[in-house]
Amino acid sequence: MIKVKCASCGSDMDCPPSMESAPVHICASCFENQPPELDTIPSGRAHIEIDPRSLVEPPKGTLMGREDEYFDILYPIEKIIANYYWQNPNLKDRDVIKVLKSLTSNMEIRAWHSLRNELWLMVDEIAKKNGRTDREIRMCYKYVLASVKRHHAVGGQRGYLDFIVEYLEGKG
């Protein structure tokens, strides 16, 4: 491994020799927290440090491998985000990340962003009607949040939004 500096925070990080020539290196912490300056990185042009522990098994309390069990919540979340993007083409992944983070940390605060309000009201109603707990709802928001971050890292400012719109259009 070769030592390189994270383009966002400047911390030292390990880089495999095959990725040394990448124009940008992003540490695991910056990738997780998604600072706004990451939006300027061209898609597919960065080396992103991955915490190897995250590859061994899904963290406890996640939906990995159980997505079908939570389709009744996951689908409305992503459909609401896609519809909001269709109506607000200036929306960026970073905005969705902020909204989802706010929903996972404190679901009681309703007034912040119109996308947040729409998600909170619709998803809460659907989930409660289906007997879902607040914990399950938060797990679903966290699952979608992880998806947004992954697609954002690969596809740039609107990597997730473009992906989910295309995916849902294919579902008809």
C-alpha atoms as a PDB file:
ATOM      1  CA  MET A   1       0.000   0.000   0.000  1.00  0.00           C
ATOM      2  CA  ILE A   2       1.038   3.546  -0.722  1.00  0.00           C
ATOM      3  CA  LYS A   3       0.277   6.515   1.542  1.00  0.00           C
ATOM      4  CA  VAL A   4      -1.768   9.313  -0.065  1.00  0.00           C
ATOM      5  CA  LYS A   5      -3.732  12.297   1.259  1.00  0.00           C
ATOM      6  CA  CYS A   6      -7.501  12.614   1.239  1.00  0.00           C
ATOM      7  CA  ALA A   7      -8.505  15.405  -1.162  1.00  0.00           C
ATOM      8  CA  SER A   8     -11.205  16.599   1.211  1.00  0.00           C
ATOM      9  CA  CYS A   9      -9.727  16.560   4.722  1.00  0.00           C
ATOM     10  CA  GLY A  10      -6.013  15.983   4.032  1.00  0.00           C
ATOM     11  CA  SER A  11      -5.693  12.924   6.270  1.00  0.00           C
ATOM     12  CA  ASP A  12      -3.280  10.116   5.393  1.00  0.00           C
ATOM     13  CA  MET A  13      -4.835   7.035   3.849  1.00  0.00           C
ATOM     14  CA  ASP A  14      -3.701   3.781   2.279  1.00  0.00           C
ATOM     15  CA  CYS A  15      -3.924   3.371  -1.471  1.00  0.00           C
ATOM     16  CA  PRO A  16      -3.313   0.237  -3.514  1.00  0.00           C
ATOM     17  CA  PRO A  17      -0.655   0.746  -6.203  1.00  0.00           C
ATOM     18  CA  SER A  18      -3.265   0.240  -8.930  1.00  0.00           C
ATOM     19  CA  MET A  19      -5.156   3.349  -7.718  1.00  0.00           C
ATOM     20  CA  GLU A  20      -2.130   5.596  -7.148  1.00  0.00           C
ATOM     21  CA  SER A  21      -2.725   7.449 -10.429  1.00  0.00           C
ATOM     22  CA  ALA A  22      -6.348   8.330  -9.547  1.00  0.00           C
ATOM     23  CA  PRO A  23      -6.705  12.120  -9.706  1.00  0.00           C
ATOM     24  CA  VAL A  24      -8.498  12.240  -6.359  1.00  0.00           C
ATOM     25  CA  HIS A  25      -8.355  10.136  -3.184  1.00  0.00           C
ATOM     26  CA  ILE A  26     -11.203  10.186  -0.618  1.00  0.00           C
ATOM     27  CA  CYS A  27     -10.896   8.707   2.883  1.00  0.00           C
ATOM     28  CA  ALA A  28     -13.636   6.501   4.349  1.00  0.00           C
ATOM     29  CA  SER A  29     -14.687   9.211   6.799  1.00  0.00           C
ATOM     30  CA  CYS A  30     -15.193  11.875   4.120  1.00  0.00           C
ATOM     31  CA  PHE A  31     -17.011   9.374   1.920  1.00  0.00           C
ATOM     32  CA  GLU A  32     -19.330   8.566   4.834  1.00  0.00           C
ATOM     33  CA  ASN A  33     -19.982  12.231   5.715  1.00  0.00           C
ATOM     34  CA  GLN A  34     -20.171  13.559   2.124  1.00  0.00           C
ATOM     35  CA  PRO A  35     -18.811  17.119   2.492  1.00  0.00           C
ATOM     36  CA  PRO A  36     -20.076  19.479  -0.275  1.00  0.00           C
ATOM     37  CA  GLU A  37     -16.669  19.707  -1.995  1.00  0.00           C
ATOM     38  CA  LEU A  38     -17.047  16.063  -3.060  1.00  0.00           C
ATOM     39  CA  ASP A  39     -19.705  17.243  -5.545  1.00  0.00           C
ATOM     40  CA  THR A  40     -16.957  18.739  -7.718  1.00  0.00           C
ATOM     41  CA  ILE A  41     -15.250  15.398  -8.346  1.00  0.00           C
ATOM     42  CA  PRO A  42     -15.973  13.984 -11.819  1.00  0.00           C
ATOM     43  CA  SER A  43     -17.831  10.679 -11.663  1.00  0.00           C
ATOM     44  CA  GLY A  44     -15.708   7.539 -11.757  1.00  0.00           C
ATOM     45  CA  ARG A  45     -12.505   9.509 -11.227  1.00  0.00           C
ATOM     46  CA  ALA A  46     -11.708   8.950  -7.556  1.00  0.00           C
ATOM     47  CA  HIS A  47     -10.110   6.361  -5.311  1.00  0.00           C
ATOM     48  CA  ILE A  48     -12.384   5.876  -2.321  1.00  0.00           C
ATOM     49  CA  GLU A  49     -11.034   4.229   0.810  1.00  0.00           C
ATOM     50  CA  ILE A  50     -13.307   1.475   2.112  1.00  0.00           C
ATOM     51  CA  ASP A  51     -13.237   0.237   5.679  1.00  0.00           C
ATOM     52  CA  PRO A  52     -12.567  -3.517   5.191  1.00  0.00           C
ATOM     53  CA  ARG A  53     -14.754  -4.354   8.195  1.00  0.00           C
ATOM     54  CA  SER A  54     -17.775  -3.056   6.259  1.00  0.00           C
ATOM     55  CA  LEU A  55     -17.218  -5.747   3.602  1.00  0.00           C
ATOM     56  CA  VAL A  56     -17.263  -8.738   5.931  1.00  0.00           C
ATOM     57  CA  GLU A  57     -20.884  -8.661   7.002  1.00  0.00           C
ATOM     58  CA  PRO A  58     -23.688  -6.140   7.070  1.00  0.00           C
ATOM     59  CA  PRO A  59     -23.876  -4.083  10.243  1.00  0.00           C
ATOM     60  CA  LYS A  60     -26.414  -5.241  12.802  1.00  0.00           C
ATOM     61  CA  GLY A  61     -29.746  -3.550  12.439  1.00  0.00           C
ATOM     62  CA  THR A  62     -29.505  -3.123   8.670  1.00  0.00           C
ATOM     63  CA  LEU A  63     -31.720  -4.431   5.906  1.00  0.00           C
ATOM     64  CA  MET A  64     -28.979  -5.994   3.792  1.00  0.00           C
ATOM     65  CA  GLY A  65     -30.370  -9.176   2.293  1.00  0.00           C
ATOM     66  CA  ARG A  66     -33.869  -8.448   3.633  1.00  0.00           C
ATOM     67  CA  GLU A  67     -34.959  -5.724   1.214  1.00  0.00           C
ATOM     68  CA  ASP A  68     -38.068  -7.633   0.109  1.00  0.00           C
ATOM     69  CA  GLU A  69     -39.336  -7.694   3.712  1.00  0.00           C
ATOM     70  CA  TYR A  70     -39.290  -3.889   3.750  1.00  0.00           C
ATOM     71  CA  PHE A  71     -40.464  -3.180   0.207  1.00  0.00           C
ATOM     72  CA  ASP A  72     -43.599  -1.530   1.635  1.00  0.00           C
ATOM     73  CA  ILE A  73     -41.398   1.242   3.069  1.00  0.00           C
ATOM     74  CA  LEU A  74     -38.371   1.277   0.749  1.00  0.00           C
ATOM     75  CA  TYR A  75     -40.373   1.681  -2.456  1.00  0.00           C
ATOM     76  CA  PRO A  76     -42.378   4.713  -1.245  1.00  0.00           C
ATOM     77  CA  ILE A  77     -39.200   6.399   0.027  1.00  0.00           C
ATOM     78  CA  GLU A  78     -37.484   6.065  -3.322  1.00  0.00           C
ATOM     79  CA  LYS A  79     -40.625   6.896  -5.313  1.00  0.00           C
ATOM     80  CA  ILE A  80     -41.156  10.101  -3.302  1.00  0.00           C
ATOM     81  CA  ILE A  81     -37.512  11.106  -3.841  1.00  0.00           C
ATOM     82  CA  ALA A  82     -37.793  10.423  -7.600  1.00  0.00           C
ATOM     83  CA  ASN A  83     -41.064  12.370  -7.886  1.00  0.00           C
ATOM     84  CA  TYR A  84     -39.539  15.271  -5.975  1.00  0.00           C
ATOM     85  CA  TYR A  85     -36.547  15.256  -8.342  1.00  0.00           C
ATOM     86  CA  TRP A  86     -38.839  15.261 -11.408  1.00  0.00           C
ATOM     87  CA  GLN A  87     -40.523  18.383  -9.999  1.00  0.00           C
ATOM     88  CA  ASN A  88     -37.266  19.967  -8.741  1.00  0.00           C
ATOM     89  CA  PRO A  89     -34.503  19.273 -11.287  1.00  0.00           C
ATOM     90  CA  ASN A  90     -31.968  21.361  -9.324  1.00  0.00           C
ATOM     91  CA  LEU A  91     -32.048  18.827  -6.468  1.00  0.00           C
ATOM     92  CA  LYS A  92     -28.697  17.118  -5.840  1.00  0.00           C
ATOM     93  CA  ASP A  93     -27.716  13.916  -4.067  1.00  0.00           C
ATOM     94  CA  ARG A  94     -26.178  16.050  -1.324  1.00  0.00           C
ATOM     95  CA  ASP A  95     -29.657  17.505  -0.580  1.00  0.00           C
ATOM     96  CA  VAL A  96     -31.148  14.003  -0.357  1.00  0.00           C
ATOM     97  CA  ILE A  97     -28.308  12.926   1.942  1.00  0.00           C
ATOM     98  CA  LYS A  98     -29.046  15.833   4.307  1.00  0.00           C
ATOM     99  CA  VAL A  99     -32.761  15.051   4.319  1.00  0.00           C
ATOM    100  CA  LEU A 100     -32.242  11.342   4.990  1.00  0.00           C
ATOM    101  CA  LYS A 101     -29.679  12.042   7.715  1.00  0.00           C
ATOM    102  CA  SER A 102     -32.160  14.367   9.419  1.00  0.00           C
ATOM    103  CA  LEU A 103     -34.848  11.686   9.251  1.00  0.00           C
ATOM    104  CA  THR A 104     -32.583   9.041  10.774  1.00  0.00           C
ATOM    105  CA  SER A 105     -31.456  11.258  13.627  1.00  0.00           C
ATOM    106  CA  ASN A 106     -34.663  12.935  14.778  1.00  0.00           C
ATOM    107  CA  MET A 107     -37.902  11.912  13.173  1.00  0.00           C
ATOM    108  CA  GLU A 108     -39.955  14.304  15.321  1.00  0.00           C
ATOM    109  CA  ILE A 109     -38.743  17.516  13.630  1.00  0.00           C
ATOM    110  CA  ARG A 110     -41.014  18.021  10.644  1.00  0.00           C
ATOM    111  CA  ALA A 111     -40.258  21.499   9.282  1.00  0.00           C
ATOM    112  CA  TRP A 112     -36.910  21.655   7.506  1.00  0.00           C
ATOM    113  CA  HIS A 113     -37.205  20.873   3.821  1.00  0.00           C
ATOM    114  CA  SER A 114     -40.251  20.136   1.693  1.00  0.00           C
ATOM    115  CA  LEU A 115     -38.785  16.782   0.576  1.00  0.00           C
ATOM    116  CA  ARG A 116     -38.232  15.907   4.228  1.00  0.00           C
ATOM    117  CA  ASN A 117     -41.818  16.843   5.077  1.00  0.00           C
ATOM    118  CA  GLU A 118     -43.208  14.785   2.220  1.00  0.00           C
ATOM    119  CA  LEU A 119     -41.118  11.750   3.161  1.00  0.00           C
ATOM    120  CA  TRP A 120     -41.918  12.047   6.839  1.00  0.00           C
ATOM    121  CA  LEU A 121     -45.676  12.363   6.339  1.00  0.00           C
ATOM    122  CA  MET A 122     -46.164   9.764   3.598  1.00  0.00           C
ATOM    123  CA  VAL A 123     -43.727   7.125   4.801  1.00  0.00           C
ATOM    124  CA  ASP A 124     -44.874   7.434   8.410  1.00  0.00           C
ATOM    125  CA  GLU A 125     -48.501   6.971   7.354  1.00  0.00           C
ATOM    126  CA  ILE A 126     -47.742   3.940   5.159  1.00  0.00           C
ATOM    127  CA  ALA A 127     -45.424   2.366   7.724  1.00  0.00           C
ATOM    128  CA  LYS A 128     -47.814   2.792  10.645  1.00  0.00           C
ATOM    129  CA  LYS A 129     -50.676   1.370   8.565  1.00  0.00           C
ATOM    130  CA  ASN A 130     -48.481  -1.694   7.923  1.00  0.00           C
ATOM    131  CA  GLY A 131     -47.528  -2.033  11.608  1.00  0.00           C
ATOM    132  CA  ARG A 132     -43.923  -0.866  11.215  1.00  0.00           C
ATOM    133  CA  THR A 133     -42.023   0.565  14.158  1.00  0.00           C
ATOM    134  CA  ASP A 134     -40.030   3.814  14.246  1.00  0.00           C
ATOM    135  CA  ARG A 135     -36.878   1.667  14.400  1.00  0.00           C
ATOM    136  CA  GLU A 136     -37.833  -0.122  11.175  1.00  0.00           C
ATOM    137  CA  ILE A 137     -38.606   3.186   9.472  1.00  0.00           C
ATOM    138  CA  ARG A 138     -35.201   4.572  10.480  1.00  0.00           C
ATOM    139  CA  MET A 139     -33.500   1.401   9.202  1.00  0.00           C
ATOM    140  CA  CYS A 140     -35.173   1.943   5.832  1.00  0.00           C
ATOM    141  CA  TYR A 141     -34.067   5.583   5.696  1.00  0.00           C
ATOM    142  CA  LYS A 142     -30.512   4.470   6.563  1.00  0.00           C
ATOM    143  CA  TYR A 143     -30.626   1.819   3.852  1.00  0.00           C
ATOM    144  CA  VAL A 144     -31.676   4.368   1.224  1.00  0.00           C
ATOM    145  CA  LEU A 145     -29.085   6.814   2.592  1.00  0.00           C
ATOM    146  CA  ALA A 146     -26.342   4.221   2.010  1.00  0.00           C
ATOM    147  CA  SER A 147     -27.622   3.733  -1.543  1.00  0.00           C
ATOM    148  CA  VAL A 148     -27.575   7.479  -2.191  1.00  0.00           C
ATOM    149  CA  LYS A 149     -23.969   7.691  -0.960  1.00  0.00           C
ATOM    150  CA  ARG A 150     -22.856   4.749  -3.118  1.00  0.00           C
ATOM    151  CA  HIS A 151     -24.445   6.092  -6.295  1.00  0.00           C
ATOM    152  CA  HIS A 152     -23.252   9.613  -5.525  1.00  0.00           C
ATOM    153  CA  ALA A 153     -19.654   8.395  -5.227  1.00  0.00           C
ATOM    154  CA  VAL A 154     -19.809   6.735  -8.624  1.00  0.00           C
ATOM    155  CA  GLY A 155     -22.175   9.012 -10.536  1.00  0.00           C
ATOM    156  CA  GLY A 156     -21.388  12.468  -9.189  1.00  0.00           C
ATOM    157  CA  GLN A 157     -23.753  15.239  -8.054  1.00  0.00           C
ATOM    158  CA  ARG A 158     -26.887  13.453  -9.205  1.00  0.00           C
ATOM    159  CA  GLY A 159     -25.651   9.864  -9.430  1.00  0.00           C
ATOM    160  CA  TYR A 160     -28.346   8.481  -7.149  1.00  0.00           C
ATOM    161  CA  LEU A 161     -31.137  10.705  -8.449  1.00  0.00           C
ATOM    162  CA  ASP A 162     -30.451   9.782 -12.070  1.00  0.00           C
ATOM    163  CA  PHE A 163     -30.183   6.111 -11.100  1.00  0.00           C
ATOM    164  CA  ILE A 164     -33.452   5.978  -9.160  1.00  0.00           C
ATOM    165  CA  VAL A 165     -35.426   7.854 -11.818  1.00  0.00           C
ATOM    166  CA  GLU A 166     -34.154   5.477 -14.506  1.00  0.00           C
ATOM    167  CA  TYR A 167     -34.781   2.446 -12.282  1.00  0.00           C
ATOM    168  CA  LEU A 168     -38.348   3.464 -11.439  1.00  0.00           C
ATOM    169  CA  GLU A 169     -39.146   4.357 -15.049  1.00  0.00           C
ATOM    170  CA  GLY A 170     -38.122   0.811 -15.969  1.00  0.00           C
ATOM    171  CA  LYS A 171     -40.523  -0.555 -13.330  1.00  0.00           C
ATOM    172  CA  GLY A 172     -43.376   1.396 -14.943  1.00  0.00           C
END
